[in-house]
Amino acid sequence: MRMRTVYGYSLREYSMHDDPKLITPASGRVPSGRSVDLDTIEKLHHAGASIESLRSHIEILYRSNGIHTADRGRAAFLMGNCYQDVNRDLSTSYYLEALRIAKQVGPPRALADALHGRAVIAYQSKDFASVIRLEHDSIEIALGSGYIYRQCFCLYMLATLAFRFGQDEDALVSLEKSLRFAQEMKYLAMEVRLHAKLAEITHFSRQLQSAREFAIKGLTVAESLDRPKEIVKLQIRLCTIDLELGEYTAVTKLVSKLRCTLPKENHSLWAVTHTLLGNVHAAKRRWEKAEVEFRAALKLADYVNAERVRSNIHTHLSELYLKTKQYKPALKESLAALKDAETAQDVFVRKDALRLVHQCYKAIGKFKEAHKYLELYNELVAANDTALLKNRLEYHALRNEFEKERLVSADKARQSEILRLELVRKEQELTEKTRHLIKQTEALVQFRDDLRAMIRRSPSDDPLVKQIRERLQSLPDAQLNWEDFDVQFRNVHPEFLKNLVKKYPTLTTMQRKVCALLRLNLTSVDIAKLLYLSERNIENHRYRLRKKFCLDANGSLHDFLSTY
């Protein structure tokens, strides 16, 4: 994956990361002295309240709700948010709980959130194909339920993923769409996040005027919300853009404004401001002042994992010495920059350092060494270009995989609907045949009873009466021919009795027959006629079935059996 930097001298921790801080907005105000319900917590969270400030309320709601309730699922998702940057394993367990509950009881908004939580897990495990699928599923559900905030955030996630794979245009499309939603709904905290990411991408792709506009808009909203961290990030972004545009006075003023808010112990940010001013002085050819600023920045870059920052500062010093024809100090700084870049394992600063080492050896006249570092530089550039191409191809492969999955899923949905309709048709036919059989059975019983009454009133020695009596004995019983019915029923519901007996192995043969007829939504009267039993007998069977299935008196046996 390509790593993004803010020009040469901004710090990693104050850039907008490729890997988004998915859930944790900056701090906001929380009502004090009263309980906060889930709806209020979500509104505060969407407006930008710190998840840390809401954690105690979320924990209370999580513990106070039943383990299979919708509110428990919503609280579980928020608990996942709370621990997303603190304890990844715990966060994952909460997200999975939220998804399980949301699939069972909903509502749709909760399912949209839970799918996003599952996408976070996939992102952390670098399962990017699943991230795309899950975020699109979340957007689809959010769209259907009018859940604009989730649409905004999922689009932001998809844009972040596209940017990571070098697909700047796709990222910009998603971010601009998300921004329109956020502005429409007045999600100011989301606007800050989106403007910052838009400024980063357009800056990286050299659309400097657009980057500047996005940074200014984001900074304005962040200042209106009093969000110190976002303000600092956007001020640094704006400084780097203005520096490249040659707006040196604006950079100087903004750095002075920035320094008024910085604590002295924050060496990383002070190093940034010194580096920015050093570049302003260097651009105006004020070499001594530039060197002083760069040396001050280098002295402050003494914190953990500051190798990349020091490499950038050494690079600036090397460029300064080259411009003033101080080749030996320039070589010393470029070699120091290369050493720090290799420690940081950062391709971009290593590339700049190799370029400068080559230039310094060439200026000194050591052409063999210059050629060596030029080859290393060219190899790194080629490897970087190959990696970028590979990333883009991988991204397109992910998109293609996602589109194929969507097509397959749509095709399966169509096939499932066709099968469902066919099943409904067959079930209706079977029910009609069964009802017709009931009428035939009733007619046959009536005909046999009438005929028997006539025979009883006729002379027993009459040859014709004797012949009719023999034929009556050959007539079928009035009850249902279960073997024929069973064949037809299994054609319509092939797994019904198998699944039912597997779950309830103690069902008697008669109870299985009653269950099959109840599955067709027949009444007790109809079932009694088909099985040649009394209606009271069928009601007793229904009572025993309810006990076995643990259904209360109001529970529908037909609805229950329809799940098998």
Protein backbone atom coordinates (compact mmCIF):
# COMPACT_ATOMS: atom_id res chain seq x y z
CA MET A 1 0.00 0.00 0.00
CA ARG A 2 1.25 3.49 -0.67
CA MET A 3 1.80 5.67 2.35
CA ARG A 4 0.68 9.29 2.12
CA THR A 5 2.71 12.15 3.52
CA VAL A 6 1.96 15.81 4.01
CA TYR A 7 4.62 17.33 1.75
CA GLY A 8 8.04 16.53 3.16
CA TYR A 9 7.89 17.93 6.61
CA SER A 10 4.56 17.16 8.21
CA LEU A 11 4.42 14.50 10.89
CA ARG A 12 2.85 11.11 10.44
CA GLU A 13 0.74 11.44 13.55
CA TYR A 14 -0.69 14.78 12.45
CA SER A 15 -1.48 13.74 8.90
CA MET A 16 -4.84 12.29 7.99
CA HIS A 17 -4.08 8.57 8.21
CA ASP A 18 -4.70 6.04 5.49
CA ASP A 19 -6.01 3.79 8.22
CA PRO A 20 -9.00 5.82 9.49
CA LYS A 21 -9.83 6.26 13.13
CA LEU A 22 -13.12 4.74 12.25
CA ILE A 23 -15.33 5.56 15.16
CA THR A 24 -13.75 8.04 17.52
CA PRO A 25 -14.61 11.68 16.81
CA ALA A 26 -13.16 14.47 18.89
CA SER A 27 -14.58 15.48 22.21
CA GLY A 28 -17.97 17.09 22.58
CA ARG A 29 -20.33 18.11 25.35
CA VAL A 30 -22.39 15.53 27.17
CA PRO A 31 -25.40 16.22 29.36
CA SER A 32 -24.48 15.92 33.02
CA GLY A 33 -26.54 14.95 36.03
CA ARG A 34 -29.09 12.86 34.13
CA SER A 35 -29.34 9.50 32.37
CA VAL A 36 -28.81 9.34 28.64
CA ASP A 37 -30.78 6.95 26.44
CA LEU A 38 -29.47 5.23 23.30
CA ASP A 39 -31.12 7.67 20.89
CA THR A 40 -29.51 10.62 22.68
CA ILE A 41 -26.11 8.89 22.76
CA GLU A 42 -26.27 8.24 19.00
CA LYS A 43 -27.24 11.84 18.31
CA LEU A 44 -24.38 13.13 20.45
CA HIS A 45 -22.00 10.67 18.83
CA HIS A 46 -23.04 11.68 15.32
CA ALA A 47 -22.70 15.32 16.27
CA GLY A 48 -19.12 14.64 17.34
CA ALA A 49 -19.21 13.93 21.07
CA SER A 50 -16.23 11.92 22.29
CA ILE A 51 -17.02 8.24 22.65
CA GLU A 52 -14.94 8.31 25.85
CA SER A 53 -17.29 10.86 27.38
CA LEU A 54 -20.23 8.59 26.59
CA ARG A 55 -18.71 5.27 27.66
CA SER A 56 -20.15 5.11 31.20
CA HIS A 57 -23.68 5.72 29.89
CA ILE A 58 -23.21 3.09 27.16
CA GLU A 59 -21.93 0.50 29.65
CA ILE A 60 -24.98 1.02 31.89
CA LEU A 61 -27.35 0.58 28.94
CA TYR A 62 -25.42 -2.47 27.70
CA ARG A 63 -25.69 -4.23 31.09
CA SER A 64 -29.32 -3.24 31.74
CA ASN A 65 -30.78 -4.69 28.52
CA GLY A 66 -31.60 -8.36 27.91
CA ILE A 67 -29.06 -10.32 25.90
CA HIS A 68 -31.42 -10.83 22.92
CA THR A 69 -32.98 -7.35 22.76
CA ALA A 70 -32.51 -4.75 20.02
CA ASP A 71 -31.20 -2.18 22.52
CA ARG A 72 -28.58 -4.66 23.72
CA GLY A 73 -27.38 -4.97 20.11
CA ARG A 74 -27.23 -1.19 19.65
CA ALA A 75 -25.33 -0.81 22.93
CA ALA A 76 -22.94 -3.62 21.88
CA PHE A 77 -22.09 -1.73 18.69
CA LEU A 78 -21.34 1.42 20.67
CA MET A 79 -19.23 -0.63 23.10
CA GLY A 80 -17.28 -1.86 20.08
CA ASN A 81 -16.72 1.79 19.17
CA CYS A 82 -15.46 2.51 22.69
CA TYR A 83 -12.78 -0.19 22.55
CA GLN A 84 -11.89 0.02 18.85
CA ASP A 85 -8.62 1.87 19.51
CA VAL A 86 -8.01 0.42 22.99
CA ASN A 87 -8.61 -3.33 22.89
CA ARG A 88 -9.12 -4.77 19.41
CA ASP A 89 -10.14 -8.25 20.61
CA LEU A 90 -12.77 -6.86 22.98
CA SER A 91 -14.01 -4.47 20.31
CA THR A 92 -14.35 -7.36 17.86
CA SER A 93 -16.42 -9.41 20.32
CA TYR A 94 -18.81 -6.47 20.83
CA TYR A 95 -19.14 -5.88 17.08
CA LEU A 96 -19.91 -9.56 16.46
CA GLU A 97 -22.50 -9.57 19.25
CA ALA A 98 -24.12 -6.49 17.72
CA LEU A 99 -24.27 -8.18 14.31
CA ARG A 100 -25.75 -11.41 15.72
CA ILE A 101 -28.51 -9.53 17.57
CA ALA A 102 -29.20 -7.15 14.66
CA LYS A 103 -29.70 -10.09 12.28
CA GLN A 104 -32.17 -11.66 14.72
CA VAL A 105 -34.24 -8.72 15.90
CA GLY A 106 -33.14 -5.63 13.95
CA PRO A 107 -34.04 -2.83 13.50
CA PRO A 108 -32.57 -2.00 10.03
CA ARG A 109 -30.54 0.94 11.40
CA ALA A 110 -28.92 -1.36 13.95
CA LEU A 111 -28.11 -3.87 11.21
CA ALA A 112 -26.51 -1.12 9.10
CA ASP A 113 -24.34 -0.14 12.09
CA ALA A 114 -23.47 -3.76 12.87
CA LEU A 115 -22.42 -4.47 9.27
CA HIS A 116 -20.14 -1.45 9.43
CA GLY A 117 -18.68 -2.81 12.67
CA ARG A 118 -18.03 -6.11 10.89
CA ALA A 119 -16.33 -4.12 8.10
CA VAL A 120 -14.02 -2.56 10.70
CA ILE A 121 -12.97 -6.08 11.76
CA ALA A 122 -12.36 -7.01 8.11
CA TYR A 123 -10.31 -3.82 7.57
CA GLN A 124 -8.12 -4.59 10.55
CA SER A 125 -7.45 -8.09 9.23
CA LYS A 126 -6.80 -6.71 5.70
CA ASP A 127 -9.78 -8.59 4.25
CA PHE A 128 -10.51 -5.72 1.87
CA ALA A 129 -12.93 -7.65 -0.36
CA SER A 130 -15.18 -8.13 2.68
CA VAL A 131 -14.83 -4.45 3.59
CA ILE A 132 -16.22 -3.43 0.20
CA ARG A 133 -19.08 -5.93 0.38
CA LEU A 134 -20.03 -5.15 3.97
CA GLU A 135 -19.92 -1.37 3.55
CA HIS A 136 -22.07 -1.57 0.42
CA ASP A 137 -24.55 -3.80 2.27
CA SER A 138 -24.59 -1.31 5.13
CA ILE A 139 -25.21 1.58 2.70
CA GLU A 140 -28.08 -0.32 1.05
CA ILE A 141 -29.79 -0.95 4.39
CA ALA A 142 -29.11 2.61 5.59
CA LEU A 143 -30.55 3.97 2.35
CA GLY A 144 -33.72 1.91 2.79
CA SER A 145 -34.19 3.12 6.36
CA GLY A 146 -33.23 6.76 5.75
CA TYR A 147 -30.12 6.48 7.94
CA ILE A 148 -27.99 9.26 6.44
CA TYR A 149 -25.16 9.24 8.97
CA ARG A 150 -24.28 5.61 8.28
CA GLN A 151 -24.32 6.29 4.54
CA CYS A 152 -21.87 9.17 5.10
CA PHE A 153 -19.48 7.09 7.15
CA CYS A 154 -19.58 4.02 4.90
CA LEU A 155 -18.79 6.22 1.89
CA TYR A 156 -15.90 7.70 3.86
CA MET A 157 -14.60 4.20 4.58
CA LEU A 158 -14.88 3.16 0.93
CA ALA A 159 -13.06 6.35 -0.08
CA THR A 160 -10.30 5.64 2.42
CA LEU A 161 -9.89 2.15 0.98
CA ALA A 162 -9.81 3.47 -2.60
CA PHE A 163 -7.18 6.07 -1.60
CA ARG A 164 -5.09 3.39 0.03
CA PHE A 165 -5.01 1.53 -3.26
CA GLY A 166 -4.15 4.62 -5.31
CA GLN A 167 -7.62 5.16 -6.74
CA ASP A 168 -7.84 8.89 -6.05
CA GLU A 169 -10.73 9.56 -8.44
CA ASP A 170 -12.93 6.86 -6.89
CA ALA A 171 -12.06 8.20 -3.44
CA LEU A 172 -13.01 11.76 -4.40
CA VAL A 173 -16.37 10.67 -5.85
CA SER A 174 -17.30 8.84 -2.62
CA LEU A 175 -16.10 11.69 -0.40
CA GLU A 176 -17.95 14.39 -2.32
CA LYS A 177 -21.16 12.36 -2.18
CA SER A 178 -20.68 11.83 1.56
CA LEU A 179 -20.00 15.55 2.03
CA ARG A 180 -23.28 16.47 0.33
CA PHE A 181 -25.15 14.21 2.77
CA ALA A 182 -23.26 15.62 5.77
CA GLN A 183 -23.93 19.22 4.77
CA GLU A 184 -27.59 18.50 4.14
CA MET A 185 -28.00 16.90 7.58
CA LYS A 186 -25.63 19.36 9.31
CA TYR A 187 -23.27 16.66 10.58
CA LEU A 188 -20.58 19.24 11.35
CA ALA A 189 -18.07 16.84 12.87
CA MET A 190 -18.37 14.61 9.81
CA GLU A 191 -17.89 17.66 7.59
CA VAL A 192 -14.57 18.37 9.29
CA ARG A 193 -13.41 14.79 8.72
CA LEU A 194 -14.52 14.83 5.06
CA HIS A 195 -12.98 18.22 4.27
CA ALA A 196 -9.70 17.09 5.83
CA LYS A 197 -9.62 13.89 3.75
CA LEU A 198 -10.57 15.80 0.57
CA ALA A 199 -7.78 18.29 1.25
CA GLU A 200 -5.33 15.41 1.74
CA ILE A 201 -6.22 13.62 -1.49
CA THR A 202 -6.35 16.72 -3.69
CA HIS A 203 -3.07 17.90 -2.14
CA PHE A 204 -1.39 14.60 -2.89
CA SER A 205 -2.66 14.64 -6.48
CA ARG A 206 -1.35 18.22 -6.92
CA GLN A 207 -4.75 19.92 -7.14
CA LEU A 208 -3.46 22.62 -4.86
CA GLN A 209 -6.23 25.22 -5.21
CA SER A 210 -8.91 22.63 -4.53
CA ALA A 211 -6.88 21.28 -1.61
CA ARG A 212 -6.60 24.78 -0.17
CA GLU A 213 -10.36 25.36 -0.43
CA PHE A 214 -11.14 22.08 1.30
CA ALA A 215 -8.62 22.80 4.07
CA ILE A 216 -10.04 26.28 4.69
CA LYS A 217 -13.63 25.00 4.81
CA GLY A 218 -12.68 22.20 7.17
CA LEU A 219 -10.74 24.59 9.38
CA THR A 220 -13.68 27.00 9.57
CA VAL A 221 -16.07 24.25 10.71
CA ALA A 222 -13.51 22.82 13.16
CA GLU A 223 -13.01 26.27 14.73
CA SER A 224 -16.79 26.72 15.05
CA LEU A 225 -16.93 23.40 16.93
CA ASP A 226 -13.81 24.21 18.98
CA ARG A 227 -12.05 20.97 17.98
CA PRO A 228 -8.36 21.55 18.85
CA LYS A 229 -6.92 18.37 17.28
CA GLU A 230 -8.72 18.86 13.97
CA ILE A 231 -7.81 22.56 13.96
CA VAL A 232 -4.11 21.74 14.32
CA LYS A 233 -4.19 19.08 11.58
CA LEU A 234 -5.95 21.39 9.15
CA GLN A 235 -3.69 24.34 9.98
CA ILE A 236 -0.65 22.20 9.17
CA ARG A 237 -2.28 20.98 5.97
CA LEU A 238 -3.08 24.55 4.94
CA CYS A 239 0.50 25.65 5.68
CA THR A 240 1.98 22.92 3.48
CA ILE A 241 -0.38 23.79 0.63
CA ASP A 242 0.31 27.53 0.91
CA LEU A 243 4.04 26.82 0.96
CA GLU A 244 3.79 25.00 -2.35
CA LEU A 245 1.63 27.80 -3.77
CA GLY A 246 4.26 30.37 -2.73
CA GLU A 247 1.98 32.05 -0.17
CA TYR A 248 4.85 32.60 2.26
CA THR A 249 3.25 35.44 4.24
CA ALA A 250 0.15 33.32 4.83
CA VAL A 251 2.33 30.44 6.03
CA THR A 252 4.21 32.67 8.47
CA LYS A 253 0.98 34.12 9.90
CA LEU A 254 -0.62 30.71 10.27
CA VAL A 255 2.45 29.25 11.96
CA SER A 256 2.45 32.15 14.44
CA LYS A 257 -1.23 31.52 15.14
CA LEU A 258 -0.60 27.80 15.53
CA ARG A 259 2.26 28.34 17.98
CA CYS A 260 -0.01 30.33 20.30
CA THR A 261 -1.98 27.18 21.05
CA LEU A 262 0.86 24.63 21.27
CA PRO A 263 2.13 23.39 24.64
CA LYS A 264 5.91 23.59 24.94
CA GLU A 265 6.23 19.89 25.70
CA ASN A 266 4.70 18.92 22.36
CA HIS A 267 8.01 18.54 20.52
CA SER A 268 6.49 16.93 17.44
CA LEU A 269 4.27 19.88 16.58
CA TRP A 270 6.96 22.44 17.41
CA ALA A 271 9.27 20.55 15.08
CA VAL A 272 6.65 20.93 12.33
CA THR A 273 6.41 24.69 12.82
CA HIS A 274 10.21 25.11 12.72
CA THR A 275 10.37 23.01 9.56
CA LEU A 276 7.65 25.08 7.90
CA LEU A 277 9.40 28.36 8.72
CA GLY A 278 12.71 26.90 7.59
CA ASN A 279 11.20 26.19 4.19
CA VAL A 280 9.77 29.72 4.00
CA HIS A 281 13.24 31.18 4.69
CA ALA A 282 14.84 28.80 2.19
CA ALA A 283 12.35 29.82 -0.49
CA LYS A 284 13.30 33.47 0.12
CA ARG A 285 17.01 32.53 0.05
CA ARG A 286 17.51 33.51 3.67
CA TRP A 287 19.89 30.59 4.19
CA GLU A 288 21.14 31.31 7.70
CA LYS A 289 17.63 31.74 9.13
CA ALA A 290 16.50 28.60 7.32
CA GLU A 291 19.39 26.61 8.80
CA VAL A 292 18.57 27.86 12.30
CA GLU A 293 14.93 26.73 11.93
CA PHE A 294 15.91 23.30 10.54
CA ARG A 295 18.43 22.75 13.35
CA ALA A 296 15.80 23.72 15.93
CA ALA A 297 13.37 21.25 14.34
CA LEU A 298 16.02 18.50 14.36
CA LYS A 299 16.71 19.09 18.03
CA LEU A 300 13.00 18.75 18.84
CA ALA A 301 12.61 15.52 16.86
CA ASP A 302 13.73 13.49 19.86
CA TYR A 303 10.58 11.48 20.53
CA VAL A 304 9.84 7.81 19.84
CA ASN A 305 9.43 6.82 16.17
CA ALA A 306 10.61 10.21 14.94
CA GLU A 307 13.05 8.72 12.37
CA ARG A 308 10.90 9.67 9.40
CA VAL A 309 10.58 13.24 10.67
CA ARG A 310 14.35 13.51 11.22
CA SER A 311 14.95 12.12 7.74
CA ASN A 312 12.77 14.90 6.28
CA ILE A 313 14.64 17.56 8.24
CA HIS A 314 18.05 16.18 7.21
CA THR A 315 16.78 16.25 3.61
CA HIS A 316 15.88 19.93 3.88
CA LEU A 317 19.30 20.72 5.36
CA SER A 318 21.03 18.79 2.58
CA GLU A 319 19.07 20.69 -0.08
CA LEU A 320 19.97 23.97 1.63
CA TYR A 321 23.71 23.11 1.61
CA LEU A 322 23.57 22.01 -2.02
CA LYS A 323 22.03 25.33 -3.02
CA THR A 324 24.77 27.19 -1.15
CA LYS A 325 27.44 24.86 -2.65
CA GLN A 326 28.47 23.40 0.72
CA TYR A 327 28.82 19.90 -0.67
CA LYS A 328 30.46 18.06 2.23
CA PRO A 329 27.85 19.17 4.83
CA ALA A 330 25.18 18.40 2.21
CA LEU A 331 26.54 14.84 1.81
CA LYS A 332 26.65 14.37 5.57
CA GLU A 333 23.00 15.44 5.94
CA SER A 334 21.82 13.32 2.99
CA LEU A 335 23.51 10.21 4.44
CA ALA A 336 21.89 10.94 7.82
CA ALA A 337 18.55 11.31 6.03
CA LEU A 338 19.06 7.93 4.33
CA LYS A 339 19.95 6.22 7.61
CA ASP A 340 16.82 7.52 9.36
CA ALA A 341 14.66 6.66 6.33
CA GLU A 342 15.90 3.07 6.36
CA THR A 343 15.22 2.81 10.10
CA ALA A 344 11.72 4.17 9.53
CA GLN A 345 11.26 1.83 6.53
CA ASP A 346 9.58 4.65 4.66
CA VAL A 347 9.80 4.43 0.88
CA PHE A 348 9.08 8.07 0.17
CA VAL A 349 11.69 9.67 2.44
CA ARG A 350 14.20 6.98 1.42
CA LYS A 351 13.67 7.92 -2.21
CA ASP A 352 14.34 11.62 -1.46
CA ALA A 353 17.43 10.71 0.57
CA LEU A 354 18.88 8.51 -2.22
CA ARG A 355 18.31 11.29 -4.75
CA LEU A 356 20.19 13.75 -2.57
CA VAL A 357 23.09 11.36 -1.83
CA HIS A 358 23.50 10.88 -5.59
CA GLN A 359 23.49 14.66 -6.18
CA CYS A 360 26.01 15.28 -3.40
CA TYR A 361 28.51 12.65 -4.65
CA LYS A 362 28.11 14.01 -8.17
CA ALA A 363 28.78 17.57 -6.97
CA ILE A 364 31.89 16.40 -5.10
CA GLY A 365 33.10 14.54 -8.20
CA LYS A 366 32.80 10.99 -6.85
CA PHE A 367 30.99 9.62 -9.88
CA LYS A 368 31.30 5.93 -8.98
CA GLU A 369 29.44 6.49 -5.70
CA ALA A 370 27.02 8.83 -7.44
CA HIS A 371 26.22 6.12 -10.00
CA LYS A 372 25.72 3.54 -7.24
CA TYR A 373 23.10 5.65 -5.44
CA LEU A 374 21.46 6.64 -8.72
CA GLU A 375 20.92 2.95 -9.46
CA LEU A 376 19.48 2.41 -5.98
CA TYR A 377 17.21 5.40 -6.53
CA ASN A 378 16.02 4.10 -9.91
CA GLU A 379 15.40 0.64 -8.44
CA LEU A 380 13.33 2.14 -5.66
CA VAL A 381 11.33 4.30 -8.08
CA ALA A 382 10.68 1.29 -10.32
CA ALA A 383 9.68 -0.84 -7.32
CA ASN A 384 7.40 1.93 -6.09
CA ASP A 385 5.76 2.29 -9.52
CA THR A 386 5.32 -1.48 -9.69
CA ALA A 387 3.81 -1.53 -6.21
CA LEU A 388 1.43 1.30 -7.15
CA LEU A 389 0.36 -0.54 -10.30
CA LYS A 390 -0.07 -3.73 -8.28
CA ASN A 391 -2.20 -1.86 -5.76
CA ARG A 392 -4.40 -0.48 -8.51
CA LEU A 393 -4.78 -3.88 -10.13
CA GLU A 394 -5.56 -5.40 -6.72
CA TYR A 395 -8.19 -2.72 -6.13
CA HIS A 396 -9.80 -3.39 -9.50
CA ALA A 397 -9.71 -7.12 -8.73
CA LEU A 398 -11.47 -6.40 -5.42
CA ARG A 399 -14.08 -4.30 -7.22
CA ASN A 400 -14.60 -6.99 -9.85
CA GLU A 401 -14.91 -9.64 -7.15
CA PHE A 402 -17.48 -7.48 -5.38
CA GLU A 403 -19.47 -6.92 -8.59
CA LYS A 404 -19.43 -10.65 -9.33
CA GLU A 405 -20.64 -11.38 -5.81
CA ARG A 406 -23.44 -8.85 -6.25
CA LEU A 407 -24.48 -10.42 -9.58
CA VAL A 408 -24.36 -13.93 -8.12
CA SER A 409 -26.30 -12.73 -5.08
CA ALA A 410 -28.91 -11.04 -7.29
CA ASP A 411 -29.19 -14.19 -9.42
CA LYS A 412 -29.58 -16.34 -6.29
CA ALA A 413 -32.24 -13.95 -5.01
CA ARG A 414 -34.14 -14.27 -8.30
CA GLN A 415 -33.84 -18.06 -8.26
CA SER A 416 -34.93 -18.12 -4.62
CA GLU A 417 -37.97 -16.00 -5.44
CA ILE A 418 -38.87 -18.29 -8.36
CA LEU A 419 -38.58 -21.33 -6.09
CA ARG A 420 -40.62 -19.61 -3.39
CA LEU A 421 -43.41 -18.80 -5.82
CA GLU A 422 -43.31 -22.36 -7.18
CA LEU A 423 -43.51 -23.70 -3.62
CA VAL A 424 -46.47 -21.44 -2.87
CA ARG A 425 -48.20 -22.67 -6.03
CA LYS A 426 -47.58 -26.33 -5.20
CA GLU A 427 -48.71 -25.84 -1.61
CA GLN A 428 -51.90 -24.16 -2.80
CA GLU A 429 -52.53 -27.06 -5.21
CA LEU A 430 -51.93 -29.63 -2.45
CA THR A 431 -54.22 -27.76 -0.07
CA GLU A 432 -56.94 -27.57 -2.73
CA LYS A 433 -56.56 -31.27 -3.52
CA THR A 434 -56.77 -32.05 0.18
CA ARG A 435 -59.90 -29.95 0.61
CA HIS A 436 -61.38 -31.63 -2.45
CA LEU A 437 -60.53 -34.99 -0.89
CA ILE A 438 -62.39 -33.95 2.24
CA LYS A 439 -65.51 -33.26 0.19
CA GLN A 440 -65.12 -36.55 -1.65
CA THR A 441 -64.66 -38.37 1.67
CA GLU A 442 -67.78 -36.73 3.09
CA ALA A 443 -69.79 -37.65 -0.01
CA LEU A 444 -68.50 -41.23 0.07
CA VAL A 445 -69.34 -41.63 3.75
CA GLN A 446 -72.82 -40.23 3.18
CA PHE A 447 -73.36 -42.46 0.13
CA ARG A 448 -72.23 -45.60 2.03
CA ASP A 449 -74.39 -44.77 5.05
CA ASP A 450 -77.45 -44.19 2.85
CA LEU A 451 -76.86 -47.42 0.94
CA ARG A 452 -76.47 -49.42 4.13
CA ALA A 453 -79.75 -48.02 5.44
CA MET A 454 -81.50 -49.08 2.26
CA ILE A 455 -80.02 -52.63 2.50
CA ARG A 456 -81.21 -53.01 6.06
CA ARG A 457 -84.81 -52.38 4.88
CA SER A 458 -84.51 -54.87 1.96
CA PRO A 459 -85.02 -58.70 2.08
CA SER A 460 -81.73 -60.34 3.03
CA ASP A 461 -82.23 -63.19 0.59
CA ASP A 462 -82.60 -60.87 -2.39
CA PRO A 463 -79.71 -61.67 -4.83
CA LEU A 464 -79.38 -57.99 -5.78
CA VAL A 465 -79.10 -56.88 -2.12
CA LYS A 466 -76.52 -59.58 -1.50
CA GLN A 467 -74.48 -58.30 -4.49
CA ILE A 468 -74.65 -54.66 -3.23
CA ARG A 469 -73.57 -55.73 0.28
CA GLU A 470 -70.46 -57.46 -1.21
CA ARG A 471 -69.60 -54.34 -3.21
CA LEU A 472 -69.92 -52.14 -0.12
CA GLN A 473 -67.29 -54.28 1.61
CA SER A 474 -64.88 -53.63 -1.27
CA LEU A 475 -65.23 -49.82 -1.02
CA PRO A 476 -62.14 -48.00 0.50
CA ASP A 477 -62.26 -46.74 4.10
CA ALA A 478 -63.43 -43.19 4.56
CA GLN A 479 -60.12 -42.06 6.03
CA LEU A 480 -57.24 -40.43 4.09
CA ASN A 481 -54.99 -42.68 1.99
CA TRP A 482 -51.89 -41.52 3.82
CA GLU A 483 -49.34 -43.14 1.51
CA ASP A 484 -50.59 -41.21 -1.53
CA PHE A 485 -50.89 -38.00 0.46
CA ASP A 486 -47.40 -38.43 1.96
CA VAL A 487 -45.84 -38.70 -1.52
CA GLN A 488 -47.53 -35.49 -2.65
CA PHE A 489 -46.68 -33.68 0.60
CA ARG A 490 -42.97 -34.60 0.42
CA ASN A 491 -42.83 -33.31 -3.16
CA VAL A 492 -43.91 -29.91 -1.88
CA HIS A 493 -42.08 -29.91 1.48
CA PRO A 494 -39.24 -32.44 1.10
CA GLU A 495 -37.41 -31.47 4.33
CA PHE A 496 -40.35 -30.69 6.60
CA LEU A 497 -40.91 -34.01 8.37
CA LYS A 498 -37.18 -34.81 8.38
CA ASN A 499 -36.29 -31.54 10.13
CA LEU A 500 -39.25 -31.76 12.51
CA VAL A 501 -38.47 -35.31 13.63
CA LYS A 502 -34.79 -34.44 14.03
CA LYS A 503 -35.71 -31.59 16.40
CA TYR A 504 -38.57 -33.50 18.12
CA PRO A 505 -37.79 -37.24 17.90
CA THR A 506 -40.55 -38.20 20.39
CA LEU A 507 -43.38 -37.29 17.99
CA THR A 508 -45.77 -40.19 17.43
CA THR A 509 -46.86 -41.31 13.94
CA MET A 510 -50.29 -39.73 14.39
CA GLN A 511 -48.72 -36.47 15.65
CA ARG A 512 -46.51 -36.33 12.55
CA LYS A 513 -49.61 -36.70 10.37
CA VAL A 514 -51.39 -33.96 12.27
CA CYS A 515 -48.32 -31.69 11.92
CA ALA A 516 -48.23 -32.24 8.15
CA LEU A 517 -51.92 -31.31 7.84
CA LEU A 518 -51.48 -28.30 10.16
CA ARG A 519 -48.61 -27.18 7.88
CA LEU A 520 -51.28 -26.85 5.16
CA ASN A 521 -53.27 -24.63 7.54
CA LEU A 522 -56.22 -27.05 7.73
CA THR A 523 -58.76 -26.73 10.55
CA SER A 524 -59.31 -29.32 13.26
CA VAL A 525 -62.65 -30.21 11.64
CA ASP A 526 -60.98 -30.89 8.27
CA ILE A 527 -58.16 -32.91 9.87
CA ALA A 528 -60.68 -34.99 11.84
CA LYS A 529 -62.53 -35.87 8.62
CA LEU A 530 -59.33 -36.84 6.80
CA LEU A 531 -57.97 -38.99 9.63
CA TYR A 532 -61.39 -40.41 10.52
CA LEU A 533 -61.10 -39.15 14.09
CA SER A 534 -63.28 -36.98 16.28
CA GLU A 535 -62.69 -33.23 16.41
CA ARG A 536 -62.05 -33.52 20.14
CA ASN A 537 -59.37 -36.11 19.44
CA ILE A 538 -57.62 -33.67 17.06
CA GLU A 539 -57.83 -30.88 19.68
CA ASN A 540 -56.12 -33.21 22.17
CA HIS A 541 -53.34 -33.82 19.62
CA ARG A 542 -52.94 -30.07 19.14
CA TYR A 543 -52.72 -29.56 22.92
CA ARG A 544 -49.96 -32.19 23.25
CA LEU A 545 -48.06 -30.69 20.29
CA ARG A 546 -48.10 -27.25 21.91
CA LYS A 547 -46.55 -28.74 25.04
CA LYS A 548 -43.81 -30.49 23.04
CA PHE A 549 -43.08 -27.32 21.05
CA CYS A 550 -43.24 -25.11 24.20
CA LEU A 551 -45.88 -22.88 22.58
CA ASP A 552 -48.32 -20.87 24.68
CA ALA A 553 -52.05 -20.89 24.05
CA ASN A 554 -51.83 -17.86 21.74
CA GLY A 555 -49.03 -19.27 19.60
CA SER A 556 -49.97 -20.38 16.08
CA LEU A 557 -49.06 -24.00 15.33
CA HIS A 558 -49.22 -23.27 11.60
CA ASP A 559 -46.78 -20.33 11.91
CA PHE A 560 -44.46 -22.40 14.08
CA LEU A 561 -44.47 -25.38 11.70
CA SER A 562 -43.92 -23.07 8.71
CA THR A 563 -40.38 -22.47 9.95
CA TYR A 564 -39.40 -26.10 9.28
